[in-house]
């Protein structure tokens, strides 16, 4: 897992590097949710191309974790 700056998502699974990348500016609740979601991709063997297509991106609306 790596914390990085991501402009358009809270996180994604980079299948080529086999790394879950999480936006460094996400809140702790968002980070937990993103990691759980992305580990689902890992568990199910999703490759999603380069890890940046819509199927692997995790976008959260501000109210999602209220």
C-alpha atoms as a PDB file:
ATOM      1  CA  UNK A   1       0.000   0.000   0.000  1.00  0.00           C
ATOM      2  CA  UNK A   2       1.189   3.500  -0.780  1.00  0.00           C
ATOM      3  CA  UNK A   3      -0.080   6.930   0.217  1.00  0.00           C
ATOM      4  CA  UNK A   4       0.194   9.279  -2.767  1.00  0.00           C
ATOM      5  CA  UNK A   5      -1.399  12.444  -4.127  1.00  0.00           C
ATOM      6  CA  UNK A   6      -4.339  11.547  -6.391  1.00  0.00           C
ATOM      7  CA  UNK A   7      -6.317  14.356  -7.998  1.00  0.00           C
ATOM      8  CA  UNK A   8      -9.392  12.513  -9.257  1.00  0.00           C
ATOM      9  CA  UNK A   9     -10.063   9.656  -6.812  1.00  0.00           C
ATOM     10  CA  UNK A  10      -9.574   8.528  -3.225  1.00  0.00           C
ATOM     11  CA  UNK A  11      -7.578   5.497  -4.296  1.00  0.00           C
ATOM     12  CA  UNK A  12      -7.059   2.696  -6.767  1.00  0.00           C
ATOM     13  CA  UNK A  13      -5.411  -0.692  -7.202  1.00  0.00           C
ATOM     14  CA  UNK A  14      -2.391  -0.568  -9.494  1.00  0.00           C
ATOM     15  CA  UNK A  15      -2.360  -4.129 -10.822  1.00  0.00           C
ATOM     16  CA  UNK A  16       0.946  -3.706 -12.680  1.00  0.00           C
ATOM     17  CA  UNK A  17       2.773  -2.719  -9.510  1.00  0.00           C
ATOM     18  CA  UNK A  18       0.481  -4.835  -7.296  1.00  0.00           C
ATOM     19  CA  UNK A  19      -0.035  -1.874  -4.976  1.00  0.00           C
ATOM     20  CA  UNK A  20      -3.131  -0.269  -3.486  1.00  0.00           C
ATOM     21  CA  UNK A  21      -2.636   3.491  -3.728  1.00  0.00           C
ATOM     22  CA  UNK A  22      -4.573   5.764  -1.402  1.00  0.00           C
ATOM     23  CA  UNK A  23      -4.841   9.538  -1.615  1.00  0.00           C
ATOM     24  CA  UNK A  24      -2.748  11.036   1.147  1.00  0.00           C
ATOM     25  CA  UNK A  25      -5.311  13.797   1.773  1.00  0.00           C
ATOM     26  CA  UNK A  26      -8.203  11.394   2.463  1.00  0.00           C
ATOM     27  CA  UNK A  27      -9.662  11.258   5.959  1.00  0.00           C
ATOM     28  CA  UNK A  28      -8.970   8.192   8.138  1.00  0.00           C
ATOM     29  CA  UNK A  29     -12.508   6.870   7.432  1.00  0.00           C
ATOM     30  CA  UNK A  30     -12.045   7.355   3.690  1.00  0.00           C
ATOM     31  CA  UNK A  31      -8.670   5.595   3.818  1.00  0.00           C
ATOM     32  CA  UNK A  32     -10.207   2.586   5.614  1.00  0.00           C
ATOM     33  CA  UNK A  33     -13.030   2.389   3.105  1.00  0.00           C
ATOM     34  CA  UNK A  34     -10.713   2.738   0.111  1.00  0.00           C
ATOM     35  CA  UNK A  35      -8.312   0.068   1.394  1.00  0.00           C
ATOM     36  CA  UNK A  36     -11.174  -2.378   2.041  1.00  0.00           C
ATOM     37  CA  UNK A  37     -12.663  -1.707  -1.399  1.00  0.00           C
ATOM     38  CA  UNK A  38      -9.353  -2.024  -3.236  1.00  0.00           C
ATOM     39  CA  UNK A  39      -8.399  -5.206  -1.377  1.00  0.00           C
ATOM     40  CA  UNK A  40     -11.598  -6.659  -2.842  1.00  0.00           C
ATOM     41  CA  UNK A  41     -10.097  -6.060  -6.289  1.00  0.00           C
ATOM     42  CA  UNK A  42      -6.892  -7.777  -5.179  1.00  0.00           C
ATOM     43  CA  UNK A  43      -8.785 -10.737  -3.721  1.00  0.00           C
ATOM     44  CA  UNK A  44     -10.844 -11.244  -6.873  1.00  0.00           C
ATOM     45  CA  UNK A  45      -7.866 -10.895  -9.208  1.00  0.00           C
ATOM     46  CA  UNK A  46      -9.084  -7.774 -10.989  1.00  0.00           C
ATOM     47  CA  UNK A  47      -6.454  -6.217 -13.194  1.00  0.00           C
ATOM     48  CA  UNK A  48      -8.423  -3.232 -14.551  1.00  0.00           C
ATOM     49  CA  UNK A  49      -5.865  -2.443 -17.205  1.00  0.00           C
ATOM     50  CA  UNK A  50      -3.411   0.032 -15.762  1.00  0.00           C
ATOM     51  CA  UNK A  51      -5.336   0.469 -12.510  1.00  0.00           C
ATOM     52  CA  UNK A  52      -6.734   3.863 -13.498  1.00  0.00           C
ATOM     53  CA  UNK A  53      -9.900   2.962 -15.388  1.00  0.00           C
ATOM     54  CA  UNK A  54     -13.349   3.457 -13.923  1.00  0.00           C
ATOM     55  CA  UNK A  55     -13.698  -0.085 -12.639  1.00  0.00           C
ATOM     56  CA  UNK A  56     -10.812   0.290 -10.214  1.00  0.00           C
ATOM     57  CA  UNK A  57     -11.212   3.857  -9.055  1.00  0.00           C
ATOM     58  CA  UNK A  58     -12.751   4.529  -5.668  1.00  0.00           C
ATOM     59  CA  UNK A  59     -14.540   7.867  -5.607  1.00  0.00           C
ATOM     60  CA  UNK A  60     -16.384   8.888  -2.466  1.00  0.00           C
ATOM     61  CA  UNK A  61     -18.880  11.709  -2.242  1.00  0.00           C
ATOM     62  CA  UNK A  62     -18.322  13.910   0.838  1.00  0.00           C
ATOM     63  CA  UNK A  63     -21.431  12.517   2.545  1.00  0.00           C
ATOM     64  CA  UNK A  64     -20.585   8.836   1.972  1.00  0.00           C
ATOM     65  CA  UNK A  65     -19.089   8.287   5.411  1.00  0.00           C
ATOM     66  CA  UNK A  66     -21.284  10.552   7.531  1.00  0.00           C
END
